[in-house]
Amino acid sequence: MLGMLFVVGGILLGSAATGYDGNCYGFTDGVSGCSFEDYMSIQIQWLFILMIPAAVVVSVVAILNLILSQLSKI
């Protein structure tokens, strides 16, 4: 399950790298020109903001699944 998150993260990051058009899009301040490094820095920040909670949820579900499968053997 966690491997799938890394694969999806890599696909999203690759998509962001190929989608660079010279502009950075702010949350409230519109569009401004920026370098590729700035653009990728913003994309990586959003990737981690979205992937960390997803990884926690997947880990909790996997642990609960393991516990329940062990309890069903009793």
PDB file of N, CA and C in Angstrom:
ATOM      1  N   MET A   1       0.815  -1.199   0.000  1.00  0.00           N
ATOM      2  CA  MET A   1       0.000   0.000   0.000  1.00  0.00           C
ATOM      3  C   MET A   1       0.860   1.265   0.000  1.00  0.00           C
ATOM      4  N   LEU A   2       1.867   1.294   0.873  1.00  0.00           N
ATOM      5  CA  LEU A   2       2.719   2.478   0.902  1.00  0.00           C
ATOM      6  C   LEU A   2       3.490   2.630  -0.402  1.00  0.00           C
ATOM      7  N   GLY A   3       3.839   1.512  -1.022  1.00  0.00           N
ATOM      8  CA  GLY A   3       4.518   1.573  -2.309  1.00  0.00           C
ATOM      9  C   GLY A   3       3.667   2.250  -3.368  1.00  0.00           C
ATOM     10  N   MET A   4       2.357   2.008  -3.306  1.00  0.00           N
ATOM     11  CA  MET A   4       1.450   2.659  -4.255  1.00  0.00           C
ATOM     12  C   MET A   4       1.471   4.168  -4.067  1.00  0.00           C
ATOM     13  N   LEU A   5       1.576   4.633  -2.818  1.00  0.00           N
ATOM     14  CA  LEU A   5       1.648   6.071  -2.575  1.00  0.00           C
ATOM     15  C   LEU A   5       2.901   6.669  -3.209  1.00  0.00           C
ATOM     16  N   PHE A   6       4.023   5.938  -3.124  1.00  0.00           N
ATOM     17  CA  PHE A   6       5.252   6.445  -3.723  1.00  0.00           C
ATOM     18  C   PHE A   6       5.159   6.453  -5.242  1.00  0.00           C
ATOM     19  N   VAL A   7       4.523   5.452  -5.815  1.00  0.00           N
ATOM     20  CA  VAL A   7       4.348   5.414  -7.269  1.00  0.00           C
ATOM     21  C   VAL A   7       3.464   6.572  -7.718  1.00  0.00           C
ATOM     22  N   VAL A   8       2.352   6.768  -7.021  1.00  0.00           N
ATOM     23  CA  VAL A   8       1.450   7.879  -7.361  1.00  0.00           C
ATOM     24  C   VAL A   8       2.170   9.207  -7.183  1.00  0.00           C
ATOM     25  N   GLY A   9       2.943   9.336  -6.108  1.00  0.00           N
ATOM     26  CA  GLY A   9       3.706  10.562  -5.885  1.00  0.00           C
ATOM     27  C   GLY A   9       4.695  10.826  -7.004  1.00  0.00           C
ATOM     28  N   GLY A  10       5.376   9.785  -7.465  1.00  0.00           N
ATOM     29  CA  GLY A  10       6.314   9.937  -8.570  1.00  0.00           C
ATOM     30  C   GLY A  10       5.630  10.341  -9.863  1.00  0.00           C
ATOM     31  N   ILE A  11       4.473   9.761 -10.104  1.00  0.00           N
ATOM     32  CA  ILE A  11       3.710  10.119 -11.307  1.00  0.00           C
ATOM     33  C   ILE A  11       3.264  11.575 -11.239  1.00  0.00           C
ATOM     34  N   LEU A  12       2.776  11.997 -10.076  1.00  0.00           N
ATOM     35  CA  LEU A  12       2.340  13.385  -9.926  1.00  0.00           C
ATOM     36  C   LEU A  12       3.506  14.353 -10.075  1.00  0.00           C
ATOM     37  N   LEU A  13       4.653  14.002  -9.515  1.00  0.00           N
ATOM     38  CA  LEU A  13       5.824  14.862  -9.620  1.00  0.00           C
ATOM     39  C   LEU A  13       6.323  14.930 -11.062  1.00  0.00           C
ATOM     40  N   GLY A  14       6.305  13.791 -11.757  1.00  0.00           N
ATOM     41  CA  GLY A  14       6.692  13.785 -13.163  1.00  0.00           C
ATOM     42  C   GLY A  14       5.744  14.607 -14.013  1.00  0.00           C
ATOM     43  N   SER A  15       4.471  14.519 -13.694  1.00  0.00           N
ATOM     44  CA  SER A  15       3.479  15.321 -14.406  1.00  0.00           C
ATOM     45  C   SER A  15       3.704  16.806 -14.162  1.00  0.00           C
ATOM     46  N   ALA A  16       4.036  17.155 -12.933  1.00  0.00           N
ATOM     47  CA  ALA A  16       4.302  18.559 -12.617  1.00  0.00           C
ATOM     48  C   ALA A  16       5.542  19.054 -13.351  1.00  0.00           C
ATOM     49  N   ALA A  17       6.570  18.203 -13.444  1.00  0.00           N
ATOM     50  CA  ALA A  17       7.808  18.605 -14.111  1.00  0.00           C
ATOM     51  C   ALA A  17       7.584  18.845 -15.595  1.00  0.00           C
ATOM     52  N   THR A  18       6.724  18.053 -16.218  1.00  0.00           N
ATOM     53  CA  THR A  18       6.469  18.240 -17.645  1.00  0.00           C
ATOM     54  C   THR A  18       5.439  19.326 -17.905  1.00  0.00           C
ATOM     55  N   GLY A  19       4.736  19.776 -16.864  1.00  0.00           N
ATOM     56  CA  GLY A  19       3.710  20.798 -17.031  1.00  0.00           C
ATOM     57  C   GLY A  19       4.190  22.209 -16.742  1.00  0.00           C
ATOM     58  N   TYR A  20       5.502  22.392 -16.605  1.00  0.00           N
ATOM     59  CA  TYR A  20       6.048  23.719 -16.294  1.00  0.00           C
ATOM     60  C   TYR A  20       5.880  24.646 -17.489  1.00  0.00           C
ATOM     61  N   ASP A  21       5.272  25.811 -17.244  1.00  0.00           N
ATOM     62  CA  ASP A  21       5.061  26.781 -18.320  1.00  0.00           C
ATOM     63  C   ASP A  21       5.664  28.145 -18.014  1.00  0.00           C
ATOM     64  N   GLY A  22       6.534  28.210 -16.999  1.00  0.00           N
ATOM     65  CA  GLY A  22       7.189  29.474 -16.668  1.00  0.00           C
ATOM     66  C   GLY A  22       6.434  30.311 -15.662  1.00  0.00           C
ATOM     67  N   ASN A  23       5.287  29.825 -15.215  1.00  0.00           N
ATOM     68  CA  ASN A  23       4.474  30.579 -14.260  1.00  0.00           C
ATOM     69  C   ASN A  23       4.276  29.794 -12.978  1.00  0.00           C
ATOM     70  N   CYS A  24       4.200  30.526 -11.869  1.00  0.00           N
ATOM     71  CA  CYS A  24       3.808  29.947 -10.591  1.00  0.00           C
ATOM     72  C   CYS A  24       2.439  30.506 -10.247  1.00  0.00           C
ATOM     73  N   TYR A  25       1.581  29.649  -9.770  1.00  0.00           N
ATOM     74  CA  TYR A  25       0.215  30.035  -9.471  1.00  0.00           C
ATOM     75  C   TYR A  25       0.045  30.132  -7.967  1.00  0.00           C
ATOM     76  N   GLY A  26      -0.203  31.354  -7.466  1.00  0.00           N
ATOM     77  CA  GLY A  26      -0.385  31.567  -6.040  1.00  0.00           C
ATOM     78  C   GLY A  26      -1.795  31.234  -5.613  1.00  0.00           C
ATOM     79  N   PHE A  27      -1.949  31.002  -4.315  1.00  0.00           N
ATOM     80  CA  PHE A  27      -3.264  30.654  -3.791  1.00  0.00           C
ATOM     81  C   PHE A  27      -4.211  31.840  -3.888  1.00  0.00           C
ATOM     82  N   THR A  28      -3.740  33.018  -3.519  1.00  0.00           N
ATOM     83  CA  THR A  28      -4.610  34.199  -3.554  1.00  0.00           C
ATOM     84  C   THR A  28      -4.063  35.315  -4.425  1.00  0.00           C
ATOM     85  N   ASP A  29      -2.791  35.255  -4.790  1.00  0.00           N
ATOM     86  CA  ASP A  29      -2.194  36.395  -5.485  1.00  0.00           C
ATOM     87  C   ASP A  29      -2.021  36.189  -6.984  1.00  0.00           C
ATOM     88  N   GLY A  30      -2.706  35.243  -7.561  1.00  0.00           N
ATOM     89  CA  GLY A  30      -2.714  35.088  -9.008  1.00  0.00           C
ATOM     90  C   GLY A  30      -1.494  34.383  -9.561  1.00  0.00           C
ATOM     91  N   VAL A  31      -1.041  34.824 -10.744  1.00  0.00           N
ATOM     92  CA  VAL A  31       0.024  34.164 -11.485  1.00  0.00           C
ATOM     93  C   VAL A  31       1.227  35.093 -11.561  1.00  0.00           C
ATOM     94  N   SER A  32       2.413  34.518 -11.405  1.00  0.00           N
ATOM     95  CA  SER A  32       3.635  35.297 -11.577  1.00  0.00           C
ATOM     96  C   SER A  32       4.688  34.403 -12.213  1.00  0.00           C
ATOM     97  N   GLY A  33       5.612  35.019 -12.916  1.00  0.00           N
ATOM     98  CA  GLY A  33       6.691  34.259 -13.524  1.00  0.00           C
ATOM     99  C   GLY A  33       7.638  33.728 -12.462  1.00  0.00           C
ATOM    100  N   CYS A  34       8.176  32.536 -12.688  1.00  0.00           N
ATOM    101  CA  CYS A  34       9.122  31.970 -11.725  1.00  0.00           C
ATOM    102  C   CYS A  34      10.030  30.973 -12.426  1.00  0.00           C
ATOM    103  N   SER A  35      11.137  30.659 -11.760  1.00  0.00           N
ATOM    104  CA  SER A  35      12.090  29.699 -12.313  1.00  0.00           C
ATOM    105  C   SER A  35      11.569  28.274 -12.132  1.00  0.00           C
ATOM    106  N   PHE A  36      12.200  27.350 -12.844  1.00  0.00           N
ATOM    107  CA  PHE A  36      11.814  25.944 -12.743  1.00  0.00           C
ATOM    108  C   PHE A  36      12.045  25.424 -11.330  1.00  0.00           C
ATOM    109  N   GLU A  37      13.125  25.865 -10.688  1.00  0.00           N
ATOM    110  CA  GLU A  37      13.422  25.422  -9.323  1.00  0.00           C
ATOM    111  C   GLU A  37      12.339  25.870  -8.353  1.00  0.00           C
ATOM    112  N   ASP A  38      11.889  27.119  -8.484  1.00  0.00           N
ATOM    113  CA  ASP A  38      10.809  27.607  -7.619  1.00  0.00           C
ATOM    114  C   ASP A  38       9.518  26.829  -7.867  1.00  0.00           C
ATOM    115  N   TYR A  39       9.231  26.577  -9.133  1.00  0.00           N
ATOM    116  CA  TYR A  39       8.021  25.836  -9.491  1.00  0.00           C
ATOM    117  C   TYR A  39       8.038  24.434  -8.883  1.00  0.00           C
ATOM    118  N   MET A  40       9.156  23.722  -9.032  1.00  0.00           N
ATOM    119  CA  MET A  40       9.243  22.365  -8.494  1.00  0.00           C
ATOM    120  C   MET A  40       9.227  22.367  -6.973  1.00  0.00           C
ATOM    121  N   SER A  41       9.803  23.399  -6.354  1.00  0.00           N
ATOM    122  CA  SER A  41       9.763  23.499  -4.895  1.00  0.00           C
ATOM    123  C   SER A  41       8.325  23.587  -4.401  1.00  0.00           C
ATOM    124  N   ILE A  42       7.521  24.372  -5.073  1.00  0.00           N
ATOM    125  CA  ILE A  42       6.106  24.503  -4.705  1.00  0.00           C
ATOM    126  C   ILE A  42       5.376  23.181  -4.928  1.00  0.00           C
ATOM    127  N   GLN A  43       5.665  22.507  -6.045  1.00  0.00           N
ATOM    128  CA  GLN A  43       5.007  21.233  -6.339  1.00  0.00           C
ATOM    129  C   GLN A  43       5.370  20.166  -5.306  1.00  0.00           C
ATOM    130  N   ILE A  44       6.632  20.137  -4.896  1.00  0.00           N
ATOM    131  CA  ILE A  44       7.063  19.161  -3.890  1.00  0.00           C
ATOM    132  C   ILE A  44       6.400  19.446  -2.552  1.00  0.00           C
ATOM    133  N   GLN A  45       6.279  20.731  -2.194  1.00  0.00           N
ATOM    134  CA  GLN A  45       5.579  21.080  -0.951  1.00  0.00           C
ATOM    135  C   GLN A  45       4.156  20.547  -0.961  1.00  0.00           C
ATOM    136  N   TRP A  46       3.427  20.776  -2.043  1.00  0.00           N
ATOM    137  CA  TRP A  46       2.041  20.306  -2.119  1.00  0.00           C
ATOM    138  C   TRP A  46       1.973  18.787  -2.130  1.00  0.00           C
ATOM    139  N   LEU A  47       2.940  18.141  -2.782  1.00  0.00           N
ATOM    140  CA  LEU A  47       2.966  16.682  -2.797  1.00  0.00           C
ATOM    141  C   LEU A  47       3.079  16.138  -1.378  1.00  0.00           C
ATOM    142  N   PHE A  48       3.992  16.700  -0.584  1.00  0.00           N
ATOM    143  CA  PHE A  48       4.152  16.226   0.792  1.00  0.00           C
ATOM    144  C   PHE A  48       2.951  16.573   1.653  1.00  0.00           C
ATOM    145  N   ILE A  49       2.371  17.737   1.442  1.00  0.00           N
ATOM    146  CA  ILE A  49       1.187  18.118   2.217  1.00  0.00           C
ATOM    147  C   ILE A  49       0.053  17.129   1.973  1.00  0.00           C
ATOM    148  N   LEU A  50      -0.075  16.638   0.754  1.00  0.00           N
ATOM    149  CA  LEU A  50      -1.149  15.702   0.428  1.00  0.00           C
ATOM    150  C   LEU A  50      -0.791  14.248   0.720  1.00  0.00           C
ATOM    151  N   MET A  51       0.478  13.873   0.576  1.00  0.00           N
ATOM    152  CA  MET A  51       0.855  12.471   0.712  1.00  0.00           C
ATOM    153  C   MET A  51       1.059  12.032   2.162  1.00  0.00           C
ATOM    154  N   ILE A  52       1.490  12.923   3.043  1.00  0.00           N
ATOM    155  CA  ILE A  52       1.727  12.517   4.431  1.00  0.00           C
ATOM    156  C   ILE A  52       0.436  12.070   5.109  1.00  0.00           C
ATOM    157  N   PRO A  53      -0.664  12.830   5.031  1.00  0.00           N
ATOM    158  CA  PRO A  53      -1.905  12.315   5.637  1.00  0.00           C
ATOM    159  C   PRO A  53      -2.380  11.017   4.987  1.00  0.00           C
ATOM    160  N   ALA A  54      -2.204  10.892   3.688  1.00  0.00           N
ATOM    161  CA  ALA A  54      -2.611   9.656   3.011  1.00  0.00           C
ATOM    162  C   ALA A  54      -1.772   8.480   3.508  1.00  0.00           C
ATOM    163  N   ALA A  55      -0.483   8.685   3.718  1.00  0.00           N
ATOM    164  CA  ALA A  55       0.376   7.614   4.230  1.00  0.00           C
ATOM    165  C   ALA A  55      -0.023   7.216   5.644  1.00  0.00           C
ATOM    166  N   VAL A  56      -0.403   8.185   6.464  1.00  0.00           N
ATOM    167  CA  VAL A  56      -0.842   7.883   7.831  1.00  0.00           C
ATOM    168  C   VAL A  56      -2.121   7.053   7.795  1.00  0.00           C
ATOM    169  N   VAL A  57      -3.068   7.439   6.965  1.00  0.00           N
ATOM    170  CA  VAL A  57      -4.329   6.703   6.864  1.00  0.00           C
ATOM    171  C   VAL A  57      -4.074   5.276   6.387  1.00  0.00           C
ATOM    172  N   VAL A  58      -3.246   5.117   5.366  1.00  0.00           N
ATOM    173  CA  VAL A  58      -2.948   3.778   4.852  1.00  0.00           C
ATOM    174  C   VAL A  58      -2.262   2.934   5.922  1.00  0.00           C
ATOM    175  N   SER A  59      -1.349   3.530   6.677  1.00  0.00           N
ATOM    176  CA  SER A  59      -0.659   2.791   7.744  1.00  0.00           C
ATOM    177  C   SER A  59      -1.621   2.355   8.835  1.00  0.00           C
ATOM    178  N   VAL A  60      -2.513   3.238   9.246  1.00  0.00           N
ATOM    179  CA  VAL A  60      -3.485   2.897  10.291  1.00  0.00           C
ATOM    180  C   VAL A  60      -4.403   1.778   9.816  1.00  0.00           C
ATOM    181  N   VAL A  61      -4.859   1.860   8.583  1.00  0.00           N
ATOM    182  CA  VAL A  61      -5.732   0.813   8.040  1.00  0.00           C
ATOM    183  C   VAL A  61      -4.987  -0.520   7.975  1.00  0.00           C
ATOM    184  N   ALA A  62      -3.721  -0.500   7.568  1.00  0.00           N
ATOM    185  CA  ALA A  62      -2.942  -1.739   7.503  1.00  0.00           C
ATOM    186  C   ALA A  62      -2.747  -2.340   8.893  1.00  0.00           C
ATOM    187  N   ILE A  63      -2.475  -1.509   9.887  1.00  0.00           N
ATOM    188  CA  ILE A  63      -2.298  -2.002  11.257  1.00  0.00           C
ATOM    189  C   ILE A  63      -3.601  -2.572  11.794  1.00  0.00           C
ATOM    190  N   LEU A  64      -4.703  -1.874  11.572  1.00  0.00           N
ATOM    191  CA  LEU A  64      -5.999  -2.384  12.024  1.00  0.00           C
ATOM    192  C   LEU A  64      -6.346  -3.701  11.338  1.00  0.00           C
ATOM    193  N   ASN A  65      -6.038  -3.795  10.067  1.00  0.00           N
ATOM    194  CA  ASN A  65      -6.286  -5.032   9.326  1.00  0.00           C
ATOM    195  C   ASN A  65      -5.466  -6.180   9.911  1.00  0.00           C
ATOM    196  N   LEU A  66      -4.219  -5.918  10.241  1.00  0.00           N
ATOM    197  CA  LEU A  66      -3.363  -6.937  10.848  1.00  0.00           C
ATOM    198  C   LEU A  66      -3.900  -7.366  12.210  1.00  0.00           C
ATOM    199  N   ILE A  67      -4.304  -6.405  13.025  1.00  0.00           N
ATOM    200  CA  ILE A  67      -4.848  -6.717  14.351  1.00  0.00           C
ATOM    201  C   ILE A  67      -6.125  -7.540  14.230  1.00  0.00           C
ATOM    202  N   LEU A  68      -7.024  -7.126  13.347  1.00  0.00           N
ATOM    203  CA  LEU A  68      -8.288  -7.852  13.190  1.00  0.00           C
ATOM    204  C   LEU A  68      -8.073  -9.259  12.637  1.00  0.00           C
ATOM    205  N   SER A  69      -7.113  -9.420  11.752  1.00  0.00           N
ATOM    206  CA  SER A  69      -6.856 -10.766  11.226  1.00  0.00           C
ATOM    207  C   SER A  69      -6.275 -11.670  12.311  1.00  0.00           C
ATOM    208  N   GLN A  70      -5.476 -11.111  13.199  1.00  0.00           N
ATOM    209  CA  GLN A  70      -4.934 -11.908  14.305  1.00  0.00           C
ATOM    210  C   GLN A  70      -6.021 -12.245  15.325  1.00  0.00           C
ATOM    211  N   LEU A  71      -6.932 -11.305  15.570  1.00  0.00           N
ATOM    212  CA  LEU A  71      -8.027 -11.559  16.507  1.00  0.00           C
ATOM    213  C   LEU A  71      -8.993 -12.606  15.975  1.00  0.00           C
ATOM    214  N   SER A  72      -9.155 -12.664  14.667  1.00  0.00           N
ATOM    215  CA  SER A  72     -10.081 -13.645  14.099  1.00  0.00           C
ATOM    216  C   SER A  72      -9.539 -15.071  14.212  1.00  0.00           C
ATOM    217  N   LYS A  73      -8.246 -15.227  14.444  1.00  0.00           N
ATOM    218  CA  LYS A  73      -7.646 -16.554  14.602  1.00  0.00           C
ATOM    219  C   LYS A  73      -7.825 -17.096  16.013  1.00  0.00           C
ATOM    220  N   ILE A  74      -8.218 -16.234  16.934  1.00  0.00           N
ATOM    221  CA  ILE A  74      -8.377 -16.660  18.340  1.00  0.00           C
ATOM    222  C   ILE A  74      -9.660 -17.437  18.518  1.00  0.00           C
TER     223      ILE A  74
END
